[in-house]
Amino acid sequence: MSELTQKEVRPGRGTSAECAFLAFHDMTPDGFMMFRPVREAGKIVDLEWTFVNKAAGNIIGREPAELIGKHLLVEMPGNKDEGLFDAYTRVIETGQTWQNEFHYDHGDITAWFRTTATKSGDGLALSFADISESRAGEERLKSLIDGVLAFVGVLSLDGILLEANEPAIAAAGEVAIN
């Protein structure tokens, strides 16, 4: 795909692949952003937005068009504090895809995210989803299971304990001590 930026390509203009790309990213519930590296003396010092879909804008509470041409660390410095910028830089430098789930609590954004970062040309393509609701559900389920007085555990097919509630862990500790 050519140097695709949101300002340059609109539905009805550009190649059919670019139009399909925009149509897909206009409809997906996942956030999607593209960045170009900002370099000083060959070192990546920031990332500049070249594309932001509507879902990304909704998730982070910003208008997509307002981010184009702006720098990530200026607009969202929490990306440096959380180690995300370093992960993104490694993706650009090594070409290795990076996937992670993490909690982000900076500025006006407090959420759990599932993120995939891949190299795109000399830049970065980033897709992400707000998974806060599913994480909250997992925590509620864990609290519920931990509140059960009976032993609750999950075993592998080989009989290895993979997960256990607090009473089971406490009992296992007492057995190990006795």
C-alpha atoms as a PDB file:
ATOM      1  CA  MET A   1       0.000   0.000   0.000  1.00  0.00           C
ATOM      2  CA  SER A   2       1.271   3.476  -0.772  1.00  0.00           C
ATOM      3  CA  GLU A   3       2.028   6.083   1.895  1.00  0.00           C
ATOM      4  CA  LEU A   4      -1.512   6.041   3.222  1.00  0.00           C
ATOM      5  CA  THR A   5      -2.675   8.861   5.404  1.00  0.00           C
ATOM      6  CA  GLN A   6      -6.149   9.749   6.441  1.00  0.00           C
ATOM      7  CA  LYS A   7      -5.847  13.216   4.918  1.00  0.00           C
ATOM      8  CA  GLU A   8      -4.860  11.874   1.492  1.00  0.00           C
ATOM      9  CA  VAL A   9      -7.231   8.960   0.953  1.00  0.00           C
ATOM     10  CA  ARG A  10     -10.987   9.262   1.098  1.00  0.00           C
ATOM     11  CA  PRO A  11     -13.642   6.790  -0.070  1.00  0.00           C
ATOM     12  CA  GLY A  12     -13.892   7.042  -3.842  1.00  0.00           C
ATOM     13  CA  ARG A  13     -10.257   8.223  -4.175  1.00  0.00           C
ATOM     14  CA  GLY A  14      -7.124   6.122  -4.175  1.00  0.00           C
ATOM     15  CA  THR A  15      -6.702   2.489  -5.149  1.00  0.00           C
ATOM     16  CA  SER A  16      -9.369  -0.108  -4.514  1.00  0.00           C
ATOM     17  CA  ALA A  17      -7.105  -1.640  -1.834  1.00  0.00           C
ATOM     18  CA  GLU A  18      -6.853   1.722  -0.059  1.00  0.00           C
ATOM     19  CA  CYS A  19     -10.617   2.219  -0.266  1.00  0.00           C
ATOM     20  CA  ALA A  20     -11.214  -1.297   1.112  1.00  0.00           C
ATOM     21  CA  PHE A  21      -8.726  -0.587   3.908  1.00  0.00           C
ATOM     22  CA  LEU A  22     -10.587   2.591   4.853  1.00  0.00           C
ATOM     23  CA  ALA A  23     -14.007   0.944   4.599  1.00  0.00           C
ATOM     24  CA  PHE A  24     -12.936  -1.887   6.896  1.00  0.00           C
ATOM     25  CA  HIS A  25     -11.356   0.419   9.469  1.00  0.00           C
ATOM     26  CA  ASP A  26     -14.353   2.709   9.345  1.00  0.00           C
ATOM     27  CA  MET A  27     -16.612  -0.167  10.460  1.00  0.00           C
ATOM     28  CA  THR A  28     -14.485  -2.227  12.872  1.00  0.00           C
ATOM     29  CA  PRO A  29     -15.054  -1.826  16.623  1.00  0.00           C
ATOM     30  CA  ASP A  30     -11.302  -2.150  17.242  1.00  0.00           C
ATOM     31  CA  GLY A  31      -9.073   0.876  17.351  1.00  0.00           C
ATOM     32  CA  PHE A  32      -6.484   1.120  14.598  1.00  0.00           C
ATOM     33  CA  MET A  33      -3.679   3.659  14.242  1.00  0.00           C
ATOM     34  CA  MET A  34      -0.667   4.042  12.004  1.00  0.00           C
ATOM     35  CA  PHE A  35       2.468   5.965  12.888  1.00  0.00           C
ATOM     36  CA  ARG A  36       5.687   7.060  11.230  1.00  0.00           C
ATOM     37  CA  PRO A  37       8.820   7.241  13.372  1.00  0.00           C
ATOM     38  CA  VAL A  38      10.255  10.650  14.259  1.00  0.00           C
ATOM     39  CA  ARG A  39      14.024  10.297  14.299  1.00  0.00           C
ATOM     40  CA  GLU A  40      16.842  12.408  15.637  1.00  0.00           C
ATOM     41  CA  ALA A  41      20.375  11.316  14.738  1.00  0.00           C
ATOM     42  CA  GLY A  42      18.882   8.009  13.543  1.00  0.00           C
ATOM     43  CA  LYS A  43      17.182   7.258  16.876  1.00  0.00           C
ATOM     44  CA  ILE A  44      13.390   7.044  17.169  1.00  0.00           C
ATOM     45  CA  VAL A  45      12.366   9.792  19.598  1.00  0.00           C
ATOM     46  CA  ASP A  46       8.615   9.869  18.969  1.00  0.00           C
ATOM     47  CA  LEU A  47       5.874   8.561  16.680  1.00  0.00           C
ATOM     48  CA  GLU A  48       3.708  10.718  14.436  1.00  0.00           C
ATOM     49  CA  TRP A  49       0.121   9.712  13.705  1.00  0.00           C
ATOM     50  CA  THR A  50      -0.647   9.133  10.018  1.00  0.00           C
ATOM     51  CA  PHE A  51      -3.957   7.287  10.408  1.00  0.00           C
ATOM     52  CA  VAL A  52      -6.574   6.925  13.173  1.00  0.00           C
ATOM     53  CA  ASN A  53      -9.901   5.152  12.684  1.00  0.00           C
ATOM     54  CA  LYS A  54     -13.180   6.222  14.294  1.00  0.00           C
ATOM     55  CA  ALA A  55     -13.118   3.407  16.858  1.00  0.00           C
ATOM     56  CA  ALA A  56      -9.655   4.466  18.068  1.00  0.00           C
ATOM     57  CA  GLY A  57     -10.933   8.008  18.507  1.00  0.00           C
ATOM     58  CA  ASN A  58     -13.933   6.767  20.473  1.00  0.00           C
ATOM     59  CA  ILE A  59     -11.812   4.504  22.684  1.00  0.00           C
ATOM     60  CA  ILE A  60      -9.284   7.200  23.612  1.00  0.00           C
ATOM     61  CA  GLY A  61     -11.775  10.061  23.606  1.00  0.00           C
ATOM     62  CA  ARG A  62     -10.147  12.083  20.811  1.00  0.00           C
ATOM     63  CA  GLU A  63     -11.175  13.144  17.329  1.00  0.00           C
ATOM     64  CA  PRO A  64      -9.152  11.091  14.819  1.00  0.00           C
ATOM     65  CA  ALA A  65      -8.516  14.035  12.474  1.00  0.00           C
ATOM     66  CA  GLU A  66      -7.061  16.078  15.347  1.00  0.00           C
ATOM     67  CA  LEU A  67      -4.339  13.473  15.934  1.00  0.00           C
ATOM     68  CA  ILE A  68      -3.007  13.277  12.363  1.00  0.00           C
ATOM     69  CA  GLY A  69       0.464  14.829  12.256  1.00  0.00           C
ATOM     70  CA  LYS A  70       0.747  15.020  16.034  1.00  0.00           C
ATOM     71  CA  HIS A  71       3.287  13.179  18.160  1.00  0.00           C
ATOM     72  CA  LEU A  72       2.347  10.286  20.448  1.00  0.00           C
ATOM     73  CA  LEU A  73       4.552  11.271  23.390  1.00  0.00           C
ATOM     74  CA  VAL A  74       3.267  14.852  23.323  1.00  0.00           C
ATOM     75  CA  GLU A  75      -0.401  13.868  23.184  1.00  0.00           C
ATOM     76  CA  MET A  76      -0.221  10.697  25.314  1.00  0.00           C
ATOM     77  CA  PRO A  77       2.971  10.741  27.426  1.00  0.00           C
ATOM     78  CA  GLY A  78       1.696   7.784  29.456  1.00  0.00           C
ATOM     79  CA  ASN A  79       2.846   5.588  26.565  1.00  0.00           C
ATOM     80  CA  LYS A  80       6.438   6.275  27.651  1.00  0.00           C
ATOM     81  CA  ASP A  81       5.716   5.743  31.364  1.00  0.00           C
ATOM     82  CA  GLU A  82       4.030   2.382  30.685  1.00  0.00           C
ATOM     83  CA  GLY A  83       6.857   1.127  28.457  1.00  0.00           C
ATOM     84  CA  LEU A  84       4.575   1.085  25.408  1.00  0.00           C
ATOM     85  CA  PHE A  85       6.696   3.501  23.385  1.00  0.00           C
ATOM     86  CA  ASP A  86       9.752   1.282  23.932  1.00  0.00           C
ATOM     87  CA  ALA A  87       7.756  -1.773  22.798  1.00  0.00           C
ATOM     88  CA  TYR A  88       6.557   0.084  19.688  1.00  0.00           C
ATOM     89  CA  THR A  89      10.112   1.205  18.910  1.00  0.00           C
ATOM     90  CA  ARG A  90      11.340  -2.412  19.175  1.00  0.00           C
ATOM     91  CA  VAL A  91       8.635  -3.464  16.706  1.00  0.00           C
ATOM     92  CA  ILE A  92       9.825  -0.882  14.172  1.00  0.00           C
ATOM     93  CA  GLU A  93      13.494  -1.745  14.687  1.00  0.00           C
ATOM     94  CA  THR A  94      13.181  -5.555  14.739  1.00  0.00           C
ATOM     95  CA  GLY A  95      10.049  -6.257  12.717  1.00  0.00           C
ATOM     96  CA  GLN A  96       8.839  -8.544  15.548  1.00  0.00           C
ATOM     97  CA  THR A  97       5.102  -8.262  16.205  1.00  0.00           C
ATOM     98  CA  TRP A  98       4.223  -7.350  19.803  1.00  0.00           C
ATOM     99  CA  GLN A  99       0.975  -8.377  21.523  1.00  0.00           C
ATOM    100  CA  ASN A 100       0.003  -7.589  25.075  1.00  0.00           C
ATOM    101  CA  GLU A 101      -2.829  -6.947  27.495  1.00  0.00           C
ATOM    102  CA  PHE A 102      -2.196  -4.108  29.902  1.00  0.00           C
ATOM    103  CA  HIS A 103      -3.860  -1.563  32.151  1.00  0.00           C
ATOM    104  CA  TYR A 104      -3.454   2.070  31.113  1.00  0.00           C
ATOM    105  CA  ASP A 105      -4.260   4.860  33.580  1.00  0.00           C
ATOM    106  CA  HIS A 106      -3.052   8.225  32.307  1.00  0.00           C
ATOM    107  CA  GLY A 107      -4.821  11.471  31.531  1.00  0.00           C
ATOM    108  CA  ASP A 108      -8.460  10.839  30.767  1.00  0.00           C
ATOM    109  CA  ILE A 109      -7.910   7.178  29.885  1.00  0.00           C
ATOM    110  CA  THR A 110      -8.311   4.398  32.423  1.00  0.00           C
ATOM    111  CA  ALA A 111      -8.833   1.021  30.783  1.00  0.00           C
ATOM    112  CA  TRP A 112      -7.515  -2.452  30.066  1.00  0.00           C
ATOM    113  CA  PHE A 113      -6.334  -2.914  26.488  1.00  0.00           C
ATOM    114  CA  ARG A 114      -5.503  -5.842  24.225  1.00  0.00           C
ATOM    115  CA  THR A 115      -2.993  -4.502  21.710  1.00  0.00           C
ATOM    116  CA  THR A 116      -1.118  -5.767  18.677  1.00  0.00           C
ATOM    117  CA  ALA A 117       1.691  -3.709  17.141  1.00  0.00           C
ATOM    118  CA  THR A 118       3.250  -4.640  13.800  1.00  0.00           C
ATOM    119  CA  LYS A 119       5.798  -3.042  11.546  1.00  0.00           C
ATOM    120  CA  SER A 120       4.304  -1.348   8.481  1.00  0.00           C
ATOM    121  CA  GLY A 121       6.897  -0.078   6.021  1.00  0.00           C
ATOM    122  CA  ASP A 122       9.221   2.052   8.164  1.00  0.00           C
ATOM    123  CA  GLY A 123       6.388   2.750  10.603  1.00  0.00           C
ATOM    124  CA  LEU A 124       3.994   1.091  12.991  1.00  0.00           C
ATOM    125  CA  ALA A 125       0.466  -0.274  12.691  1.00  0.00           C
ATOM    126  CA  LEU A 126      -1.346  -0.589  16.006  1.00  0.00           C
ATOM    127  CA  SER A 127      -4.669  -2.311  16.643  1.00  0.00           C
ATOM    128  CA  PHE A 128      -6.281  -2.342  20.058  1.00  0.00           C
ATOM    129  CA  ALA A 129      -9.498  -3.045  21.904  1.00  0.00           C
ATOM    130  CA  ASP A 130     -10.798  -1.903  25.253  1.00  0.00           C
ATOM    131  CA  ILE A 131     -11.172  -5.144  27.218  1.00  0.00           C
ATOM    132  CA  SER A 132     -12.086  -3.485  30.524  1.00  0.00           C
ATOM    133  CA  GLU A 133     -15.523  -5.126  30.693  1.00  0.00           C
ATOM    134  CA  SER A 134     -14.192  -8.643  30.151  1.00  0.00           C
ATOM    135  CA  ARG A 135     -11.383  -8.049  32.675  1.00  0.00           C
ATOM    136  CA  ALA A 136     -13.950  -6.831  35.218  1.00  0.00           C
ATOM    137  CA  GLY A 137     -16.016  -9.975  34.559  1.00  0.00           C
ATOM    138  CA  GLU A 138     -12.938 -12.149  35.107  1.00  0.00           C
ATOM    139  CA  GLU A 139     -12.253 -10.375  38.407  1.00  0.00           C
ATOM    140  CA  ARG A 140     -15.882 -10.817  39.531  1.00  0.00           C
ATOM    141  CA  LEU A 141     -15.725 -14.524  38.683  1.00  0.00           C
ATOM    142  CA  LYS A 142     -12.402 -14.911  40.514  1.00  0.00           C
ATOM    143  CA  SER A 143     -13.833 -13.143  43.577  1.00  0.00           C
ATOM    144  CA  LEU A 144     -16.883 -15.391  43.462  1.00  0.00           C
ATOM    145  CA  ILE A 145     -14.782 -18.551  43.184  1.00  0.00           C
ATOM    146  CA  ASP A 146     -12.382 -17.369  45.903  1.00  0.00           C
ATOM    147  CA  GLY A 147     -15.385 -16.775  48.161  1.00  0.00           C
ATOM    148  CA  VAL A 148     -16.476 -20.409  47.909  1.00  0.00           C
ATOM    149  CA  LEU A 149     -15.390 -22.342  50.988  1.00  0.00           C
ATOM    150  CA  ALA A 150     -14.951 -25.541  49.027  1.00  0.00           C
ATOM    151  CA  PHE A 151     -11.808 -26.255  47.078  1.00  0.00           C
ATOM    152  CA  VAL A 152     -12.168 -25.160  43.472  1.00  0.00           C
ATOM    153  CA  GLY A 153      -9.413 -25.865  40.991  1.00  0.00           C
ATOM    154  CA  VAL A 154      -8.701 -26.474  37.356  1.00  0.00           C
ATOM    155  CA  LEU A 155      -6.516 -29.440  36.459  1.00  0.00           C
ATOM    156  CA  SER A 156      -4.751 -30.183  33.201  1.00  0.00           C
ATOM    157  CA  LEU A 157      -5.378 -33.531  31.541  1.00  0.00           C
ATOM    158  CA  ASP A 158      -2.140 -34.671  33.214  1.00  0.00           C
ATOM    159  CA  GLY A 159      -3.533 -33.828  36.664  1.00  0.00           C
ATOM    160  CA  ILE A 160      -1.434 -30.681  37.100  1.00  0.00           C
ATOM    161  CA  LEU A 161      -3.173 -27.896  39.020  1.00  0.00           C
ATOM    162  CA  LEU A 162      -3.478 -24.883  36.708  1.00  0.00           C
ATOM    163  CA  GLU A 163      -5.777 -22.607  38.732  1.00  0.00           C
ATOM    164  CA  ALA A 164      -7.179 -22.737  42.251  1.00  0.00           C
ATOM    165  CA  ASN A 165      -9.270 -20.597  44.542  1.00  0.00           C
ATOM    166  CA  GLU A 166      -7.916 -19.148  47.805  1.00  0.00           C
ATOM    167  CA  PRO A 167      -9.225 -21.945  50.105  1.00  0.00           C
ATOM    168  CA  ALA A 168      -7.551 -24.560  47.883  1.00  0.00           C
ATOM    169  CA  ILE A 169      -4.267 -22.634  47.890  1.00  0.00           C
ATOM    170  CA  ALA A 170      -4.440 -22.194  51.670  1.00  0.00           C
ATOM    171  CA  ALA A 171      -5.155 -25.903  52.167  1.00  0.00           C
ATOM    172  CA  ALA A 172      -2.307 -26.855  49.840  1.00  0.00           C
ATOM    173  CA  GLY A 173       0.023 -24.663  51.872  1.00  0.00           C
ATOM    174  CA  GLU A 174      -1.105 -26.309  55.114  1.00  0.00           C
ATOM    175  CA  VAL A 175      -0.626 -29.767  53.601  1.00  0.00           C
ATOM    176  CA  ALA A 176       2.855 -28.823  52.397  1.00  0.00           C
ATOM    177  CA  ILE A 177       3.745 -27.581  55.909  1.00  0.00           C
ATOM    178  CA  ASN A 178       2.354 -30.686  57.701  1.00  0.00           C
END
